[in-house]
Amino acid sequence: MFNLVIFGPPGAGKGTQSEKIIEKYQLAHISTGDMFRMHIQNDTELGTRVKQILADGLLVPDSITIDMLEEEVTRNKDVRGFIFDGFPRTVNQAEALDAFLEGKGCKVDLVLQLDVDQQVIKERIAERKKISGRADDDESKLVKRIDEYFEKTIHVLPYYQEQGKVVKINGVGDIQAIFGMISEAIDAAI
C-alpha cells in the first residue's frame, strides 16, 4: 500500500493535483476539508461543531479530525493506497496518523510539499471563490487560514523531513508541468 500526504497552504493546488494523482495512481482520496464540508452539508452533529470552528477561521481539533480520518480509512479496505489532502495539520496529527497506519501494517511513504507564494495563494483563492462560492474562501477567513498554515501547520514538515519523506515541488506554473514533477517524485518513492 502506498500512502502520500500532499501538503501546502490553502490555494496551493492540493485539490487540483490530488485529482491527477488519484487518476494516475489509483489512490483513494481523503480530504479532511471534503469530510468537514460533507458533515456540514448533511447537518450532522459533527457538522454543526465543525461549521462553527471553521467559521471562526480555526483548525478543527485533532480528536475530531483523527476519528473522522480513521473511519474513512477503515471504510476503504481494498485500495492501493491513500492520498491525504489537508491532513496532518499538526505534529500530533502526524504522529497519530503514523501510529494508525503502522497498526494497519503500512506507513506514510511520501510527503509532497507544494510551495506557493502567499500573494499567489490570495489570487488563486479569490478566483476560486468566484467559481465555487466556498464560504471558507471569504477574505477574513482566508487570512486566518493562511496564518494558521504558516504559524502552525508548516511545523509538520520537519517531522517528515527527519524521516526523509518530504519532496518540495514548485506549485506555481503550468498545472501539467507541476504534475510532471509530482509524478517523478511519486515514481521514485514507489
N, C-alpha and C. Protein backbone atom coordinates (compact mmCIF):
# COMPACT_ATOMS: atom_id res chain seq x y z
N MET A 1 0.84 -1.17 0.00
CA MET A 1 0.00 0.00 0.00
C MET A 1 0.89 1.24 0.00
N PHE A 2 0.59 2.19 -0.88
CA PHE A 2 1.35 3.43 -0.99
C PHE A 2 0.52 4.57 -0.43
N ASN A 3 1.08 5.30 0.53
CA ASN A 3 0.37 6.41 1.17
C ASN A 3 1.15 7.70 1.00
N LEU A 4 0.43 8.71 0.59
CA LEU A 4 1.00 10.00 0.23
C LEU A 4 0.28 11.12 0.97
N VAL A 5 1.04 12.08 1.46
CA VAL A 5 0.47 13.29 2.04
C VAL A 5 0.79 14.42 1.09
N ILE A 6 -0.23 15.19 0.69
CA ILE A 6 0.00 16.37 -0.13
C ILE A 6 -0.18 17.57 0.78
N PHE A 7 0.82 18.42 0.80
CA PHE A 7 0.96 19.44 1.82
C PHE A 7 1.12 20.80 1.17
N GLY A 8 0.44 21.79 1.70
CA GLY A 8 0.58 23.15 1.21
C GLY A 8 -0.50 24.03 1.79
N PRO A 9 -0.31 25.33 1.68
CA PRO A 9 -1.29 26.26 2.23
C PRO A 9 -2.59 26.25 1.42
N PRO A 10 -3.65 26.86 1.95
CA PRO A 10 -4.88 26.98 1.17
C PRO A 10 -4.57 27.64 -0.17
N GLY A 11 -5.10 27.09 -1.25
CA GLY A 11 -4.88 27.66 -2.57
C GLY A 11 -3.60 27.22 -3.26
N ALA A 12 -2.88 26.27 -2.66
CA ALA A 12 -1.61 25.83 -3.25
C ALA A 12 -1.81 24.90 -4.44
N GLY A 13 -3.03 24.38 -4.60
CA GLY A 13 -3.29 23.47 -5.71
C GLY A 13 -3.40 22.02 -5.28
N LYS A 14 -3.57 21.77 -3.98
CA LYS A 14 -3.65 20.40 -3.48
C LYS A 14 -4.80 19.64 -4.12
N GLY A 15 -5.97 20.27 -4.18
CA GLY A 15 -7.14 19.60 -4.76
C GLY A 15 -6.95 19.29 -6.23
N THR A 16 -6.45 20.25 -6.97
CA THR A 16 -6.22 20.08 -8.41
C THR A 16 -5.23 18.95 -8.67
N GLN A 17 -4.11 18.96 -7.96
CA GLN A 17 -3.10 17.94 -8.18
C GLN A 17 -3.54 16.59 -7.62
N SER A 18 -4.31 16.60 -6.54
CA SER A 18 -4.82 15.35 -5.98
C SER A 18 -5.65 14.59 -7.01
N GLU A 19 -6.50 15.32 -7.74
CA GLU A 19 -7.33 14.67 -8.77
C GLU A 19 -6.46 13.95 -9.80
N LYS A 20 -5.38 14.58 -10.21
CA LYS A 20 -4.49 13.98 -11.20
C LYS A 20 -3.76 12.76 -10.63
N ILE A 21 -3.32 12.88 -9.38
CA ILE A 21 -2.63 11.77 -8.71
C ILE A 21 -3.57 10.57 -8.57
N ILE A 22 -4.79 10.84 -8.15
CA ILE A 22 -5.79 9.77 -7.97
C ILE A 22 -6.02 9.03 -9.28
N GLU A 23 -6.17 9.79 -10.35
CA GLU A 23 -6.43 9.18 -11.65
C GLU A 23 -5.25 8.32 -12.12
N LYS A 24 -4.05 8.83 -11.97
CA LYS A 24 -2.87 8.11 -12.48
C LYS A 24 -2.48 6.93 -11.59
N TYR A 25 -2.54 7.11 -10.26
CA TYR A 25 -2.01 6.10 -9.35
C TYR A 25 -3.09 5.29 -8.63
N GLN A 26 -4.34 5.59 -8.90
CA GLN A 26 -5.46 4.83 -8.32
C GLN A 26 -5.43 4.80 -6.79
N LEU A 27 -5.20 5.97 -6.20
CA LEU A 27 -5.21 6.08 -4.75
C LEU A 27 -6.57 6.59 -4.29
N ALA A 28 -6.97 6.22 -3.10
CA ALA A 28 -8.20 6.75 -2.52
C ALA A 28 -7.88 8.11 -1.91
N HIS A 29 -8.73 9.07 -2.17
CA HIS A 29 -8.52 10.45 -1.73
C HIS A 29 -9.21 10.67 -0.39
N ILE A 30 -8.45 11.14 0.58
CA ILE A 30 -9.03 11.52 1.86
C ILE A 30 -8.70 12.98 2.09
N SER A 31 -9.72 13.81 1.96
CA SER A 31 -9.58 15.24 2.18
C SER A 31 -10.36 15.60 3.43
N THR A 32 -9.66 16.09 4.43
CA THR A 32 -10.37 16.47 5.65
C THR A 32 -11.34 17.60 5.34
N GLY A 33 -10.95 18.51 4.46
CA GLY A 33 -11.86 19.59 4.08
C GLY A 33 -13.14 19.05 3.48
N ASP A 34 -13.03 18.07 2.57
CA ASP A 34 -14.22 17.46 1.97
C ASP A 34 -15.06 16.75 3.03
N MET A 35 -14.39 16.06 3.96
CA MET A 35 -15.14 15.37 5.02
C MET A 35 -15.89 16.39 5.87
N PHE A 36 -15.23 17.49 6.22
CA PHE A 36 -15.89 18.52 7.02
C PHE A 36 -17.08 19.11 6.27
N ARG A 37 -16.88 19.43 4.98
CA ARG A 37 -17.97 20.02 4.19
C ARG A 37 -19.15 19.06 4.06
N MET A 38 -18.86 17.75 3.92
CA MET A 38 -19.93 16.75 3.82
C MET A 38 -20.75 16.72 5.11
N HIS A 39 -20.06 16.74 6.25
CA HIS A 39 -20.78 16.73 7.53
C HIS A 39 -21.59 18.01 7.72
N ILE A 40 -21.03 19.14 7.28
CA ILE A 40 -21.76 20.41 7.39
C ILE A 40 -22.98 20.38 6.48
N GLN A 41 -22.80 19.94 5.24
CA GLN A 41 -23.90 19.89 4.27
C GLN A 41 -25.02 18.96 4.74
N ASN A 42 -24.64 17.83 5.36
CA ASN A 42 -25.64 16.88 5.84
C ASN A 42 -26.17 17.24 7.23
N ASP A 43 -25.71 18.37 7.74
CA ASP A 43 -26.19 18.90 9.02
C ASP A 43 -26.09 17.88 10.15
N THR A 44 -24.97 17.15 10.18
CA THR A 44 -24.75 16.18 11.26
C THR A 44 -24.34 16.94 12.53
N GLU A 45 -24.34 16.24 13.64
CA GLU A 45 -23.91 16.85 14.90
C GLU A 45 -22.46 17.33 14.76
N LEU A 46 -21.64 16.48 14.18
CA LEU A 46 -20.25 16.85 13.95
C LEU A 46 -20.17 18.06 13.02
N GLY A 47 -21.01 18.07 11.99
CA GLY A 47 -21.04 19.17 11.04
C GLY A 47 -21.33 20.51 11.69
N THR A 48 -22.24 20.51 12.65
CA THR A 48 -22.58 21.73 13.37
C THR A 48 -21.38 22.24 14.15
N ARG A 49 -20.67 21.33 14.82
CA ARG A 49 -19.47 21.71 15.58
C ARG A 49 -18.38 22.22 14.65
N VAL A 50 -18.15 21.49 13.57
CA VAL A 50 -17.10 21.87 12.63
C VAL A 50 -17.42 23.21 11.96
N LYS A 51 -18.67 23.42 11.63
CA LYS A 51 -19.08 24.67 10.96
C LYS A 51 -18.70 25.88 11.80
N GLN A 52 -18.95 25.83 13.10
CA GLN A 52 -18.62 26.96 13.97
C GLN A 52 -17.11 27.14 14.07
N ILE A 53 -16.39 26.05 14.19
CA ILE A 53 -14.93 26.13 14.29
C ILE A 53 -14.34 26.76 13.03
N LEU A 54 -14.81 26.30 11.86
CA LEU A 54 -14.31 26.83 10.60
C LEU A 54 -14.75 28.28 10.40
N ALA A 55 -15.97 28.61 10.85
CA ALA A 55 -16.46 29.99 10.73
C ALA A 55 -15.57 30.95 11.51
N ASP A 56 -14.97 30.44 12.58
CA ASP A 56 -14.04 31.25 13.37
C ASP A 56 -12.64 31.27 12.76
N GLY A 57 -12.46 30.53 11.65
CA GLY A 57 -11.16 30.50 10.97
C GLY A 57 -10.12 29.66 11.69
N LEU A 58 -10.57 28.73 12.53
CA LEU A 58 -9.65 27.90 13.31
C LEU A 58 -9.54 26.50 12.74
N LEU A 59 -8.55 25.75 13.21
CA LEU A 59 -8.40 24.36 12.82
C LEU A 59 -9.33 23.50 13.68
N VAL A 60 -9.88 22.47 13.07
CA VAL A 60 -10.72 21.52 13.80
C VAL A 60 -9.81 20.74 14.75
N PRO A 61 -10.24 20.52 16.00
CA PRO A 61 -9.40 19.80 16.96
C PRO A 61 -8.95 18.43 16.46
N ASP A 62 -7.75 18.04 16.88
CA ASP A 62 -7.16 16.78 16.45
C ASP A 62 -8.08 15.58 16.69
N SER A 63 -8.72 15.53 17.85
CA SER A 63 -9.53 14.36 18.18
C SER A 63 -10.64 14.14 17.16
N ILE A 64 -11.31 15.20 16.73
CA ILE A 64 -12.39 15.10 15.75
C ILE A 64 -11.83 14.68 14.40
N THR A 65 -10.77 15.35 13.99
CA THR A 65 -10.17 15.09 12.68
C THR A 65 -9.65 13.66 12.58
N ILE A 66 -8.96 13.21 13.60
CA ILE A 66 -8.36 11.86 13.58
C ILE A 66 -9.44 10.79 13.56
N ASP A 67 -10.48 10.96 14.36
CA ASP A 67 -11.58 9.99 14.36
C ASP A 67 -12.22 9.88 12.98
N MET A 68 -12.47 11.02 12.35
CA MET A 68 -13.07 11.01 11.01
C MET A 68 -12.16 10.33 10.00
N LEU A 69 -10.88 10.64 10.08
CA LEU A 69 -9.92 10.07 9.14
C LEU A 69 -9.81 8.55 9.30
N GLU A 70 -9.72 8.08 10.53
CA GLU A 70 -9.61 6.63 10.77
C GLU A 70 -10.86 5.91 10.26
N GLU A 71 -12.02 6.53 10.46
CA GLU A 71 -13.27 5.94 9.95
C GLU A 71 -13.24 5.82 8.43
N GLU A 72 -12.72 6.84 7.77
CA GLU A 72 -12.66 6.85 6.30
C GLU A 72 -11.67 5.81 5.78
N VAL A 73 -10.51 5.69 6.41
CA VAL A 73 -9.50 4.69 6.00
C VAL A 73 -10.07 3.29 6.18
N THR A 74 -10.70 3.05 7.31
CA THR A 74 -11.25 1.73 7.61
C THR A 74 -12.34 1.34 6.61
N ARG A 75 -13.10 2.32 6.14
CA ARG A 75 -14.16 2.05 5.16
C ARG A 75 -13.60 1.66 3.79
N ASN A 76 -12.39 2.08 3.48
CA ASN A 76 -11.77 1.83 2.17
C ASN A 76 -10.68 0.78 2.29
N LYS A 77 -11.07 -0.45 2.54
CA LYS A 77 -10.10 -1.52 2.81
C LYS A 77 -9.34 -2.00 1.57
N ASP A 78 -9.99 -2.04 0.44
CA ASP A 78 -9.38 -2.67 -0.74
C ASP A 78 -8.86 -1.64 -1.74
N VAL A 79 -8.02 -0.73 -1.27
CA VAL A 79 -7.46 0.27 -2.16
C VAL A 79 -5.95 0.10 -2.25
N ARG A 80 -5.35 0.71 -3.28
CA ARG A 80 -3.90 0.62 -3.49
C ARG A 80 -3.12 1.51 -2.53
N GLY A 81 -3.83 2.44 -1.93
CA GLY A 81 -3.20 3.39 -1.01
C GLY A 81 -4.06 4.63 -0.90
N PHE A 82 -3.56 5.60 -0.16
CA PHE A 82 -4.32 6.82 0.11
C PHE A 82 -3.50 8.04 -0.20
N ILE A 83 -4.21 9.09 -0.59
CA ILE A 83 -3.62 10.42 -0.65
C ILE A 83 -4.34 11.24 0.41
N PHE A 84 -3.57 11.73 1.37
CA PHE A 84 -4.12 12.53 2.46
C PHE A 84 -3.94 14.00 2.09
N ASP A 85 -5.05 14.69 1.95
CA ASP A 85 -5.09 16.07 1.50
C ASP A 85 -5.64 16.93 2.65
N GLY A 86 -4.81 17.81 3.18
CA GLY A 86 -5.23 18.65 4.28
C GLY A 86 -5.04 18.00 5.64
N PHE A 87 -4.32 16.91 5.66
CA PHE A 87 -4.06 16.18 6.90
C PHE A 87 -2.73 15.47 6.74
N PRO A 88 -1.87 15.49 7.72
CA PRO A 88 -1.99 16.09 9.04
C PRO A 88 -1.66 17.58 9.03
N ARG A 89 -2.26 18.30 9.97
CA ARG A 89 -2.03 19.74 10.11
C ARG A 89 -1.26 20.09 11.37
N THR A 90 -1.04 19.11 12.21
CA THR A 90 -0.25 19.32 13.43
C THR A 90 0.68 18.13 13.61
N VAL A 91 1.72 18.30 14.40
CA VAL A 91 2.64 17.19 14.67
C VAL A 91 1.88 16.07 15.39
N ASN A 92 0.96 16.44 16.29
CA ASN A 92 0.16 15.41 16.97
C ASN A 92 -0.63 14.58 15.96
N GLN A 93 -1.20 15.24 14.96
CA GLN A 93 -1.93 14.50 13.93
C GLN A 93 -1.00 13.61 13.12
N ALA A 94 0.20 14.10 12.82
CA ALA A 94 1.18 13.30 12.06
C ALA A 94 1.56 12.05 12.86
N GLU A 95 1.80 12.23 14.14
CA GLU A 95 2.14 11.09 14.99
C GLU A 95 0.98 10.10 15.08
N ALA A 96 -0.25 10.63 15.19
CA ALA A 96 -1.43 9.76 15.26
C ALA A 96 -1.62 9.01 13.95
N LEU A 97 -1.39 9.70 12.82
CA LEU A 97 -1.52 9.04 11.51
C LEU A 97 -0.48 7.93 11.39
N ASP A 98 0.76 8.20 11.77
CA ASP A 98 1.80 7.17 11.71
C ASP A 98 1.44 5.96 12.56
N ALA A 99 0.96 6.21 13.77
CA ALA A 99 0.60 5.11 14.67
C ALA A 99 -0.56 4.31 14.09
N PHE A 100 -1.55 5.00 13.56
CA PHE A 100 -2.71 4.33 12.98
C PHE A 100 -2.30 3.48 11.77
N LEU A 101 -1.51 4.06 10.86
CA LEU A 101 -1.08 3.32 9.67
C LEU A 101 -0.17 2.14 10.05
N GLU A 102 0.68 2.35 11.03
CA GLU A 102 1.55 1.26 11.48
C GLU A 102 0.72 0.08 11.98
N GLY A 103 -0.38 0.38 12.66
CA GLY A 103 -1.30 -0.66 13.13
C GLY A 103 -1.95 -1.41 11.98
N LYS A 104 -1.98 -0.79 10.80
CA LYS A 104 -2.54 -1.42 9.60
C LYS A 104 -1.44 -2.06 8.75
N GLY A 105 -0.19 -2.00 9.25
CA GLY A 105 0.93 -2.60 8.53
C GLY A 105 1.48 -1.77 7.39
N CYS A 106 1.26 -0.45 7.45
CA CYS A 106 1.79 0.42 6.39
C CYS A 106 2.28 1.73 7.01
N LYS A 107 2.60 2.72 6.17
CA LYS A 107 3.17 3.98 6.64
C LYS A 107 2.91 5.07 5.62
N VAL A 108 3.26 6.30 5.98
CA VAL A 108 3.30 7.40 5.01
C VAL A 108 4.58 7.20 4.22
N ASP A 109 4.46 7.07 2.90
CA ASP A 109 5.63 6.82 2.06
C ASP A 109 6.26 8.09 1.52
N LEU A 110 5.43 9.12 1.28
CA LEU A 110 5.92 10.34 0.65
C LEU A 110 5.08 11.51 1.09
N VAL A 111 5.74 12.66 1.29
CA VAL A 111 5.06 13.92 1.59
C VAL A 111 5.45 14.90 0.50
N LEU A 112 4.46 15.35 -0.26
CA LEU A 112 4.69 16.35 -1.30
C LEU A 112 4.35 17.72 -0.75
N GLN A 113 5.32 18.62 -0.76
CA GLN A 113 5.10 19.98 -0.30
C GLN A 113 4.96 20.89 -1.51
N LEU A 114 3.74 21.40 -1.73
CA LEU A 114 3.52 22.35 -2.81
C LEU A 114 3.90 23.73 -2.30
N ASP A 115 4.94 24.30 -2.88
CA ASP A 115 5.48 25.58 -2.44
C ASP A 115 4.88 26.70 -3.31
N VAL A 116 4.12 27.59 -2.67
CA VAL A 116 3.46 28.67 -3.38
C VAL A 116 3.54 29.95 -2.54
N ASP A 117 3.90 31.05 -3.17
CA ASP A 117 4.00 32.36 -2.54
C ASP A 117 2.62 32.81 -2.03
N GLN A 118 2.61 33.53 -0.90
CA GLN A 118 1.35 33.96 -0.30
C GLN A 118 0.51 34.84 -1.23
N GLN A 119 1.14 35.70 -2.02
CA GLN A 119 0.37 36.55 -2.93
C GLN A 119 -0.34 35.71 -3.99
N VAL A 120 0.34 34.69 -4.51
CA VAL A 120 -0.27 33.79 -5.50
C VAL A 120 -1.44 33.05 -4.87
N ILE A 121 -1.28 32.64 -3.62
CA ILE A 121 -2.35 31.95 -2.90
C ILE A 121 -3.60 32.83 -2.84
N LYS A 122 -3.42 34.09 -2.45
CA LYS A 122 -4.56 35.01 -2.34
C LYS A 122 -5.25 35.20 -3.69
N GLU A 123 -4.48 35.32 -4.75
CA GLU A 123 -5.06 35.48 -6.09
C GLU A 123 -5.83 34.24 -6.50
N ARG A 124 -5.26 33.07 -6.25
CA ARG A 124 -5.94 31.81 -6.62
C ARG A 124 -7.25 31.64 -5.86
N ILE A 125 -7.22 31.94 -4.58
CA ILE A 125 -8.43 31.75 -3.78
C ILE A 125 -9.50 32.76 -4.17
N ALA A 126 -9.10 33.98 -4.51
CA ALA A 126 -10.07 34.97 -4.97
C ALA A 126 -10.77 34.46 -6.23
N GLU A 127 -10.02 33.84 -7.13
CA GLU A 127 -10.61 33.26 -8.35
C GLU A 127 -11.50 32.06 -8.02
N ARG A 128 -11.01 31.21 -7.12
CA ARG A 128 -11.78 30.03 -6.74
C ARG A 128 -13.11 30.42 -6.09
N LYS A 129 -13.08 31.47 -5.28
CA LYS A 129 -14.31 31.92 -4.61
C LYS A 129 -15.35 32.35 -5.63
N LYS A 130 -14.92 33.00 -6.71
CA LYS A 130 -15.85 33.43 -7.76
C LYS A 130 -16.56 32.23 -8.38
N ILE A 131 -15.82 31.12 -8.52
CA ILE A 131 -16.37 29.93 -9.18
C ILE A 131 -17.15 29.05 -8.22
N SER A 132 -16.53 28.76 -7.05
CA SER A 132 -17.14 27.78 -6.15
C SER A 132 -18.05 28.39 -5.10
N GLY A 133 -17.80 29.63 -4.73
CA GLY A 133 -18.58 30.26 -3.68
C GLY A 133 -18.35 29.65 -2.31
N ARG A 134 -17.21 28.97 -2.12
CA ARG A 134 -16.92 28.34 -0.84
C ARG A 134 -16.86 29.38 0.27
N ALA A 135 -17.60 29.12 1.34
CA ALA A 135 -17.64 30.05 2.47
C ALA A 135 -16.28 30.23 3.12
N ASP A 136 -15.45 29.17 3.10
CA ASP A 136 -14.14 29.28 3.76
C ASP A 136 -13.13 30.06 2.93
N ASP A 137 -13.55 30.55 1.74
CA ASP A 137 -12.68 31.39 0.92
C ASP A 137 -12.94 32.88 1.14
N ASP A 138 -13.80 33.21 2.08
CA ASP A 138 -14.07 34.60 2.44
C ASP A 138 -12.75 35.26 2.86
N GLU A 139 -12.56 36.54 2.49
CA GLU A 139 -11.29 37.24 2.72
C GLU A 139 -10.80 37.17 4.17
N SER A 140 -11.68 37.46 5.13
CA SER A 140 -11.24 37.47 6.53
C SER A 140 -10.88 36.07 7.01
N LYS A 141 -11.66 35.08 6.57
CA LYS A 141 -11.37 33.69 6.96
C LYS A 141 -10.11 33.20 6.27
N LEU A 142 -9.92 33.64 5.05
CA LEU A 142 -8.74 33.24 4.29
C LEU A 142 -7.47 33.68 5.01
N VAL A 143 -7.45 34.91 5.48
CA VAL A 143 -6.28 35.42 6.19
C VAL A 143 -5.99 34.55 7.41
N LYS A 144 -7.03 34.17 8.15
CA LYS A 144 -6.85 33.31 9.32
C LYS A 144 -6.32 31.94 8.90
N ARG A 145 -6.86 31.37 7.80
CA ARG A 145 -6.42 30.05 7.35
C ARG A 145 -4.96 30.08 6.90
N ILE A 146 -4.58 31.12 6.20
CA ILE A 146 -3.19 31.24 5.75
C ILE A 146 -2.27 31.41 6.97
N ASP A 147 -2.69 32.27 7.91
CA ASP A 147 -1.90 32.44 9.13
C ASP A 147 -1.77 31.13 9.89
N GLU A 148 -2.87 30.37 10.02
CA GLU A 148 -2.84 29.06 10.69
C GLU A 148 -1.80 28.16 10.02
N TYR A 149 -1.80 28.16 8.69
CA TYR A 149 -0.85 27.32 7.96
C TYR A 149 0.58 27.71 8.29
N PHE A 150 0.90 29.00 8.15
CA PHE A 150 2.28 29.43 8.32
C PHE A 150 2.72 29.51 9.77
N GLU A 151 1.78 29.58 10.70
CA GLU A 151 2.15 29.62 12.12
C GLU A 151 2.15 28.23 12.75
N LYS A 152 1.27 27.33 12.29
CA LYS A 152 1.12 26.03 12.96
C LYS A 152 1.41 24.86 12.03
N THR A 153 0.69 24.80 10.91
CA THR A 153 0.74 23.62 10.07
C THR A 153 2.13 23.37 9.48
N ILE A 154 2.82 24.42 9.12
CA ILE A 154 4.14 24.27 8.48
C ILE A 154 5.12 23.51 9.38
N HIS A 155 4.85 23.48 10.68
CA HIS A 155 5.75 22.79 11.61
C HIS A 155 5.65 21.27 11.51
N VAL A 156 4.72 20.78 10.73
CA VAL A 156 4.63 19.34 10.49
C VAL A 156 5.76 18.90 9.54
N LEU A 157 6.18 19.78 8.67
CA LEU A 157 7.21 19.41 7.68
C LEU A 157 8.49 18.87 8.30
N PRO A 158 9.06 19.52 9.32
CA PRO A 158 10.29 18.96 9.91
C PRO A 158 10.10 17.54 10.44
N TYR A 159 8.91 17.24 10.93
CA TYR A 159 8.62 15.89 11.42
C TYR A 159 8.86 14.86 10.31
N TYR A 160 8.35 15.16 9.12
CA TYR A 160 8.53 14.25 7.99
C TYR A 160 9.90 14.40 7.33
N GLN A 161 10.49 15.60 7.41
CA GLN A 161 11.84 15.79 6.85
C GLN A 161 12.85 14.92 7.59
N GLU A 162 12.68 14.81 8.90
CA GLU A 162 13.57 13.96 9.69
C GLU A 162 13.49 12.50 9.24
N GLN A 163 12.36 12.12 8.67
CA GLN A 163 12.17 10.75 8.18
C GLN A 163 12.59 10.63 6.70
N GLY A 164 13.02 11.74 6.09
CA GLY A 164 13.45 11.73 4.70
C GLY A 164 12.31 11.52 3.70
N LYS A 165 11.11 11.98 4.05
CA LYS A 165 9.95 11.71 3.20
C LYS A 165 9.45 12.92 2.41
N VAL A 166 10.01 14.12 2.62
CA VAL A 166 9.47 15.34 2.00
C VAL A 166 10.16 15.63 0.68
N VAL A 167 9.34 15.89 -0.34
CA VAL A 167 9.82 16.39 -1.62
C VAL A 167 9.10 17.71 -1.87
N LYS A 168 9.88 18.77 -2.04
CA LYS A 168 9.33 20.10 -2.27
C LYS A 168 9.11 20.30 -3.77
N ILE A 169 7.90 20.72 -4.12
CA ILE A 169 7.52 20.94 -5.52
C ILE A 169 7.11 22.40 -5.70
N ASN A 170 7.65 23.07 -6.70
CA ASN A 170 7.22 24.43 -7.01
C ASN A 170 5.78 24.36 -7.51
N GLY A 171 4.85 24.93 -6.74
CA GLY A 171 3.44 24.86 -7.06
C GLY A 171 2.94 25.98 -7.94
N VAL A 172 3.85 26.77 -8.51
CA VAL A 172 3.46 27.88 -9.38
C VAL A 172 3.87 27.54 -10.81
N GLY A 173 2.93 27.72 -11.73
CA GLY A 173 3.23 27.47 -13.13
C GLY A 173 2.14 26.63 -13.77
N ASP A 174 2.48 26.01 -14.87
CA ASP A 174 1.54 25.19 -15.62
C ASP A 174 1.14 23.95 -14.80
N ILE A 175 -0.16 23.72 -14.71
CA ILE A 175 -0.68 22.61 -13.89
C ILE A 175 -0.08 21.28 -14.32
N GLN A 176 0.01 21.05 -15.61
CA GLN A 176 0.54 19.79 -16.12
C GLN A 176 2.04 19.64 -15.83
N ALA A 177 2.78 20.75 -15.91
CA ALA A 177 4.22 20.70 -15.60
C ALA A 177 4.43 20.39 -14.12
N ILE A 178 3.59 20.99 -13.27
CA ILE A 178 3.68 20.71 -11.84
C ILE A 178 3.38 19.23 -11.60
N PHE A 179 2.36 18.72 -12.29
CA PHE A 179 2.02 17.31 -12.13
C PHE A 179 3.16 16.40 -12.61
N GLY A 180 3.88 16.83 -13.62
CA GLY A 180 5.04 16.07 -14.09
C GLY A 180 6.09 15.92 -12.99
N MET A 181 6.34 17.01 -12.27
CA MET A 181 7.31 16.96 -11.15
C MET A 181 6.78 16.06 -10.03
N ILE A 182 5.48 16.14 -9.78
CA ILE A 182 4.86 15.30 -8.75
C ILE A 182 4.98 13.83 -9.14
N SER A 183 4.70 13.51 -10.39
CA SER A 183 4.80 12.13 -10.86
C SER A 183 6.21 11.58 -10.71
N GLU A 184 7.20 12.39 -11.01
CA GLU A 184 8.60 11.96 -10.85
C GLU A 184 8.88 11.61 -9.39
N ALA A 185 8.39 12.44 -8.47
CA ALA A 185 8.62 12.20 -7.05
C ALA A 185 7.91 10.93 -6.59
N ILE A 186 6.68 10.72 -7.06
CA ILE A 186 5.93 9.52 -6.67
C ILE A 186 6.60 8.27 -7.24
N ASP A 187 6.96 8.33 -8.53
CA ASP A 187 7.59 7.18 -9.17
C ASP A 187 8.88 6.77 -8.45
N ALA A 188 9.63 7.77 -7.96
CA ALA A 188 10.87 7.49 -7.26
C ALA A 188 10.61 6.87 -5.88
N ALA A 189 9.43 7.14 -5.31
CA ALA A 189 9.12 6.65 -3.96
C ALA A 189 8.40 5.29 -3.95
N ILE A 190 7.84 4.92 -5.09
CA ILE A 190 7.07 3.65 -5.14
C ILE A 190 8.02 2.47 -5.16
